[in-house]
Amino acid sequence: MLLRPTPELAALRQDWTFAPNKPPWRVQVRRLGQRVLRRVPAPARRVLRSPAGVGAWTIYFVFTPDGLLQAPHRFALDRLRALGRPLLVVCAAPSPADIPADLAAAADALVWKDLPGFDFSAYTAGLATLAEHCPGSDALVLNDSTFGPLVDLAPWLALARWDLTGFTATANVENHIQSYAFHLKGVTPARMRALGPVLMPAHAYDRFWGVVLNQETRFARVASRSMSVGSLLFSDMLEAEDPTLQLALPLVRAGFPFLKRSLLGGKLAHLHPEHEVRDALRAAGYPA
């Protein structure tokens, strides 16, 4: 593993192969309620620049309700371009005309989607576009909820030995990989159909718990029916319900590539002192 060993991270399991387990009945009831009451039509989307060439792609979801790129977006774009992989950007904006010009210029392929639908609607749009135009490609998929990549991702991607690989996974709700970043091999129309219960072509969820209960926490289990699934790190909840939150600073200090943006001035800023978050980002090379 690429992390420097520390006592705080000793309980995290490394190189974890996904094992399905059954969520509590309360979760199942709430999940069904969200599915019945909260599922909505998929947001509008349009391919503005088609991907070309089968290979190793990066799909980056950027949310720009005001049509403006923020500093973390620019940092991420620079780091992702440095990987040397073609970049497919899925941008959520009020209209295609509202996509920032510098974002469009940085993309090898570009998909616009309407604002509703959270990240899984963007993942569906990006992966479906890749499957249609470049079937058989591999994809690093990530959203803009993190600062990063804070380190070179190439050595991490070299460890992605499963068809679907998460960077972190947790037993919270049920065993699942976390969806802020993952790697998917062999993106084809058949693979997209197999993932259809989660990467829904015609529907989406536009509320947080609908996405969490029916998409993120089901993703690994649905995928495991037709492909191998695992994660580079796994927390069984004894040490951390969510390793990207409770163990965020030890992870970044040990060389982990991502830190959630909500920990700095966002809804989860109370979890860690601001000066410690900024210090960890600076030490990792981010101009916080």
Protein backbone atom coordinates (compact mmCIF):
# COMPACT_ATOMS: atom_id res chain seq x y z
CA MET A 1 0.00 0.00 0.00
CA LEU A 2 1.14 3.51 -0.77
CA LEU A 3 0.12 5.01 2.57
CA ARG A 4 2.78 5.62 5.18
CA PRO A 5 1.89 3.41 8.17
CA THR A 6 0.51 5.29 11.17
CA PRO A 7 -1.20 4.12 14.37
CA GLU A 8 -4.43 5.98 13.47
CA LEU A 9 -4.80 3.98 10.24
CA ALA A 10 -3.76 0.58 11.54
CA ALA A 11 -7.36 -0.68 11.74
CA LEU A 12 -8.14 0.06 8.07
CA ARG A 13 -8.09 -3.09 5.97
CA GLN A 14 -6.04 -2.82 2.78
CA ASP A 15 -6.63 -4.52 -0.56
CA TRP A 16 -10.20 -5.54 0.39
CA THR A 17 -12.32 -7.72 -1.86
CA PHE A 18 -15.99 -6.81 -1.61
CA ALA A 19 -18.21 -9.18 0.35
CA PRO A 20 -21.95 -8.45 0.25
CA ASN A 21 -23.94 -8.32 3.46
CA LYS A 22 -27.56 -7.61 4.22
CA PRO A 23 -28.51 -4.12 5.40
CA PRO A 24 -30.75 -3.74 8.47
CA TRP A 25 -34.47 -3.98 7.81
CA ARG A 26 -34.92 -0.31 8.67
CA VAL A 27 -32.55 0.57 5.84
CA GLN A 28 -34.42 -1.70 3.47
CA VAL A 29 -37.74 -0.07 4.31
CA ARG A 30 -36.33 3.44 3.95
CA ARG A 31 -34.60 2.48 0.71
CA LEU A 32 -37.87 1.21 -0.74
CA GLY A 33 -39.64 4.37 0.33
CA GLN A 34 -37.05 6.52 -1.43
CA ARG A 35 -37.31 4.34 -4.54
CA VAL A 36 -41.09 4.65 -4.69
CA LEU A 37 -41.46 8.29 -3.69
CA ARG A 38 -38.25 10.05 -4.68
CA ARG A 39 -37.20 8.64 -8.05
CA VAL A 40 -37.44 11.26 -10.80
CA PRO A 41 -36.76 11.36 -14.55
CA ALA A 42 -33.07 11.56 -15.46
CA PRO A 43 -31.85 15.12 -16.01
CA ALA A 44 -31.43 16.36 -19.56
CA ARG A 45 -27.97 15.85 -21.02
CA ARG A 46 -26.14 16.52 -24.26
CA VAL A 47 -22.83 15.30 -25.65
CA LEU A 48 -21.04 18.44 -26.81
CA ARG A 49 -17.71 16.81 -27.73
CA SER A 50 -17.60 13.06 -28.20
CA PRO A 51 -14.75 10.94 -26.81
CA ALA A 52 -12.54 9.19 -29.35
CA GLY A 53 -10.11 6.32 -28.88
CA VAL A 54 -10.34 3.23 -26.70
CA GLY A 55 -7.99 3.46 -23.75
CA ALA A 56 -7.67 4.66 -20.16
CA TRP A 57 -9.92 7.68 -19.62
CA THR A 58 -10.71 10.00 -16.72
CA ILE A 59 -14.31 11.11 -16.17
CA TYR A 60 -14.58 14.19 -13.96
CA PHE A 61 -17.94 15.56 -12.79
CA VAL A 62 -18.02 19.31 -12.18
CA PHE A 63 -21.01 21.08 -10.64
CA THR A 64 -21.24 24.74 -11.73
CA PRO A 65 -24.69 26.13 -10.91
CA ASP A 66 -23.35 29.66 -11.39
CA GLY A 67 -21.23 28.87 -14.45
CA LEU A 68 -17.98 29.55 -12.57
CA LEU A 69 -14.99 27.34 -11.89
CA GLN A 70 -13.61 27.37 -8.36
CA ALA A 71 -10.00 26.99 -7.23
CA PRO A 72 -10.41 23.29 -6.33
CA HIS A 73 -11.70 22.62 -9.86
CA ARG A 74 -8.66 24.24 -11.43
CA PHE A 75 -6.30 22.34 -9.16
CA ALA A 76 -8.02 19.04 -9.95
CA LEU A 77 -7.98 19.71 -13.69
CA ASP A 78 -4.24 20.41 -13.62
CA ARG A 79 -3.57 17.20 -11.66
CA LEU A 80 -5.86 15.08 -13.81
CA ARG A 81 -4.35 16.40 -17.03
CA ALA A 82 -0.90 15.56 -15.64
CA LEU A 83 -1.91 11.88 -15.56
CA GLY A 84 -1.66 11.85 -19.34
CA ARG A 85 -5.09 10.25 -19.77
CA PRO A 86 -7.77 11.81 -21.99
CA LEU A 87 -10.31 13.70 -19.91
CA LEU A 88 -14.08 13.49 -20.29
CA VAL A 89 -15.77 16.25 -18.30
CA VAL A 90 -19.42 16.03 -17.32
CA CYS A 91 -20.51 19.53 -16.34
CA ALA A 92 -23.77 20.29 -14.57
CA ALA A 93 -24.83 23.82 -15.48
CA PRO A 94 -28.13 25.62 -16.15
CA SER A 95 -27.53 25.25 -19.91
CA PRO A 96 -24.68 24.25 -22.25
CA ALA A 97 -23.98 27.93 -22.78
CA ASP A 98 -23.22 28.26 -19.05
CA ILE A 99 -20.31 25.81 -19.07
CA PRO A 100 -17.13 27.77 -18.18
CA ALA A 101 -15.00 28.31 -21.27
CA ASP A 102 -11.78 27.29 -19.52
CA LEU A 103 -13.39 24.05 -18.38
CA ALA A 104 -14.49 23.25 -21.92
CA ALA A 105 -10.99 24.02 -23.18
CA ALA A 106 -9.45 21.57 -20.71
CA ALA A 107 -11.67 18.67 -21.77
CA ASP A 108 -10.97 16.14 -24.52
CA ALA A 109 -14.65 15.19 -24.40
CA LEU A 110 -17.49 17.20 -22.92
CA VAL A 111 -20.99 16.34 -21.74
CA TRP A 112 -23.51 18.83 -20.38
CA LYS A 113 -26.18 17.73 -17.94
CA ASP A 114 -28.90 19.70 -16.22
CA LEU A 115 -28.44 20.57 -12.54
CA PRO A 116 -30.68 17.94 -10.86
CA GLY A 117 -29.60 14.38 -10.19
CA PHE A 118 -26.48 14.48 -7.99
CA ASP A 119 -23.25 12.71 -8.97
CA PHE A 120 -24.70 9.36 -10.07
CA SER A 121 -26.65 11.01 -12.87
CA ALA A 122 -23.36 12.54 -14.04
CA TYR A 123 -21.56 9.19 -13.74
CA THR A 124 -24.30 7.61 -15.83
CA ALA A 125 -23.97 10.32 -18.48
CA GLY A 126 -20.17 10.08 -18.66
CA LEU A 127 -19.89 6.30 -18.60
CA ALA A 128 -22.74 5.81 -21.09
CA THR A 129 -21.05 8.25 -23.46
CA LEU A 130 -17.73 6.42 -23.11
CA ALA A 131 -19.41 3.03 -23.62
CA GLU A 132 -21.09 4.26 -26.80
CA HIS A 133 -18.11 5.95 -28.43
CA CYS A 134 -15.11 4.07 -26.97
CA PRO A 135 -16.41 0.65 -25.87
CA GLY A 136 -13.93 -1.37 -23.82
CA SER A 137 -12.20 1.67 -22.29
CA ASP A 138 -11.23 1.85 -18.62
CA ALA A 139 -12.36 4.87 -16.60
CA LEU A 140 -11.19 6.66 -13.49
CA VAL A 141 -14.40 8.36 -12.32
CA LEU A 142 -14.54 11.13 -9.73
CA ASN A 143 -16.56 14.14 -8.68
CA ASP A 144 -15.66 17.60 -7.41
CA SER A 145 -16.50 16.96 -3.75
CA THR A 146 -12.81 16.63 -2.79
CA PHE A 147 -9.59 18.58 -2.77
CA GLY A 148 -7.30 16.60 -4.98
CA PRO A 149 -5.79 14.51 -6.33
CA LEU A 150 -3.18 15.60 -3.80
CA VAL A 151 -0.65 13.01 -5.00
CA ASP A 152 0.11 11.30 -8.29
CA LEU A 153 -2.76 8.87 -8.91
CA ALA A 154 -0.84 6.63 -11.31
CA PRO A 155 0.63 4.36 -8.57
CA TRP A 156 -2.80 4.12 -6.95
CA LEU A 157 -4.46 3.17 -10.22
CA ALA A 158 -1.82 0.48 -10.71
CA LEU A 159 -3.30 -1.20 -7.61
CA ALA A 160 -6.84 -1.26 -9.05
CA ARG A 161 -6.95 -5.02 -9.68
CA TRP A 162 -10.74 -5.46 -9.63
CA ASP A 163 -13.18 -4.63 -12.42
CA LEU A 164 -14.67 -2.04 -10.06
CA THR A 165 -12.22 -0.55 -7.55
CA GLY A 166 -12.97 1.99 -4.85
CA PHE A 167 -10.37 4.08 -3.08
CA THR A 168 -12.22 3.64 0.23
CA ALA A 169 -15.06 1.42 1.37
CA THR A 170 -17.10 1.15 4.54
CA ALA A 171 -19.58 -1.13 6.25
CA ASN A 172 -21.90 1.81 6.99
CA VAL A 173 -25.49 0.98 5.85
CA GLU A 174 -24.03 -2.11 4.15
CA ASN A 175 -20.61 -3.01 2.76
CA HIS A 176 -20.03 -0.59 -0.11
CA ILE A 177 -17.38 1.37 -1.96
CA GLN A 178 -17.54 5.14 -1.58
CA SER A 179 -18.47 6.95 -4.75
CA TYR A 180 -16.45 10.18 -4.71
CA ALA A 181 -13.82 8.33 -6.81
CA PHE A 182 -13.58 4.83 -8.30
CA HIS A 183 -12.08 2.96 -11.24
CA LEU A 184 -14.14 0.87 -13.67
CA LYS A 185 -12.59 -1.47 -16.24
CA GLY A 186 -14.05 -2.43 -19.59
CA VAL A 187 -16.79 0.15 -20.00
CA THR A 188 -19.14 -1.32 -22.60
CA PRO A 189 -22.87 -1.10 -23.29
CA ALA A 190 -23.26 -4.58 -21.75
CA ARG A 191 -21.48 -3.45 -18.59
CA MET A 192 -23.69 -0.38 -18.39
CA ARG A 193 -26.79 -2.57 -18.67
CA ALA A 194 -25.48 -4.74 -15.82
CA LEU A 195 -25.07 -1.59 -13.70
CA GLY A 196 -28.48 -0.26 -14.76
CA PRO A 197 -30.14 -0.68 -11.34
CA VAL A 198 -27.70 1.95 -10.02
CA LEU A 199 -26.52 3.84 -13.12
CA MET A 200 -30.07 4.32 -14.32
CA PRO A 201 -30.42 5.54 -17.92
CA ALA A 202 -33.93 6.94 -17.51
CA HIS A 203 -34.18 7.89 -13.83
CA ALA A 204 -32.28 9.64 -11.05
CA TYR A 205 -32.60 10.70 -7.43
CA ASP A 206 -32.50 14.36 -6.59
CA ARG A 207 -32.29 14.09 -2.81
CA PHE A 208 -29.29 13.10 -0.75
CA TRP A 209 -30.73 10.02 0.95
CA GLY A 210 -32.25 8.73 -2.27
CA VAL A 211 -28.78 8.74 -3.84
CA VAL A 212 -27.08 7.23 -0.77
CA LEU A 213 -29.58 4.44 -0.16
CA ASN A 214 -30.42 3.46 -3.73
CA GLN A 215 -27.20 4.22 -5.61
CA GLU A 216 -24.00 4.66 -3.60
CA THR A 217 -24.58 1.93 -1.02
CA ARG A 218 -25.98 -0.52 -3.63
CA PHE A 219 -23.29 0.11 -6.27
CA ALA A 220 -20.80 -2.55 -5.17
CA ARG A 221 -23.47 -5.20 -4.56
CA VAL A 222 -25.11 -4.67 -7.95
CA ALA A 223 -21.71 -4.65 -9.67
CA SER A 224 -20.58 -7.84 -7.93
CA ARG A 225 -23.28 -9.82 -9.76
CA SER A 226 -21.32 -9.48 -13.02
CA MET A 227 -17.77 -8.35 -12.16
CA SER A 228 -15.08 -8.36 -9.48
CA VAL A 229 -15.31 -5.56 -6.90
CA GLY A 230 -12.95 -4.34 -4.20
CA SER A 231 -11.38 -1.34 -2.53
CA LEU A 232 -7.88 -0.18 -1.70
CA LEU A 233 -9.01 0.62 1.87
CA PHE A 234 -11.93 -0.62 3.96
CA SER A 235 -13.35 0.42 7.34
CA ASP A 236 -15.55 -2.03 9.23
CA MET A 237 -16.94 0.90 11.30
CA LEU A 238 -15.13 -0.09 14.49
CA GLU A 239 -12.65 2.74 13.93
CA ALA A 240 -14.55 4.96 11.50
CA GLU A 241 -18.06 5.00 10.10
CA ASP A 242 -16.68 7.00 7.17
CA PRO A 243 -12.88 6.95 6.80
CA THR A 244 -12.93 10.04 4.55
CA LEU A 245 -14.42 12.01 7.44
CA GLN A 246 -13.32 10.62 10.80
CA LEU A 247 -9.86 9.64 9.48
CA ALA A 248 -9.55 12.41 6.90
CA LEU A 249 -6.46 14.13 8.31
CA PRO A 250 -4.49 10.97 9.18
CA LEU A 251 -5.20 9.70 5.67
CA VAL A 252 -3.98 12.85 3.91
CA ARG A 253 -0.91 13.08 6.15
CA ALA A 254 -0.11 9.49 5.23
CA GLY A 255 -0.31 10.23 1.51
CA PHE A 256 -3.97 9.63 0.57
CA PRO A 257 -5.02 11.45 -2.63
CA PHE A 258 -8.30 13.05 -1.53
CA LEU A 259 -9.76 15.26 1.21
CA LYS A 260 -13.45 16.12 1.32
CA ARG A 261 -14.10 19.81 0.62
CA SER A 262 -16.98 19.86 3.11
CA LEU A 263 -14.42 19.60 5.93
CA LEU A 264 -13.21 23.13 5.19
CA GLY A 265 -15.92 25.74 5.52
CA GLY A 266 -18.67 23.28 4.58
CA LYS A 267 -21.37 21.34 6.38
CA LEU A 268 -18.82 19.03 8.05
CA ALA A 269 -16.33 21.68 9.09
CA HIS A 270 -17.06 20.93 12.76
CA LEU A 271 -15.33 17.53 12.50
CA HIS A 272 -11.77 18.92 12.38
CA PRO A 273 -10.24 22.27 13.41
CA GLU A 274 -9.91 24.53 10.37
CA HIS A 275 -6.22 25.23 10.93
CA GLU A 276 -5.46 21.50 10.97
CA VAL A 277 -7.31 20.95 7.71
CA ARG A 278 -5.45 23.85 6.08
CA ASP A 279 -2.11 22.63 7.43
CA ALA A 280 -2.74 19.14 6.06
CA LEU A 281 -3.63 20.55 2.65
CA ARG A 282 -0.54 22.76 2.54
CA ALA A 283 1.69 19.86 3.54
CA ALA A 284 0.17 17.84 0.69
CA GLY A 285 0.96 20.58 -1.81
CA TYR A 286 -2.45 22.20 -2.11
CA PRO A 287 -2.36 26.02 -2.01
CA ALA A 288 -4.95 26.28 0.76
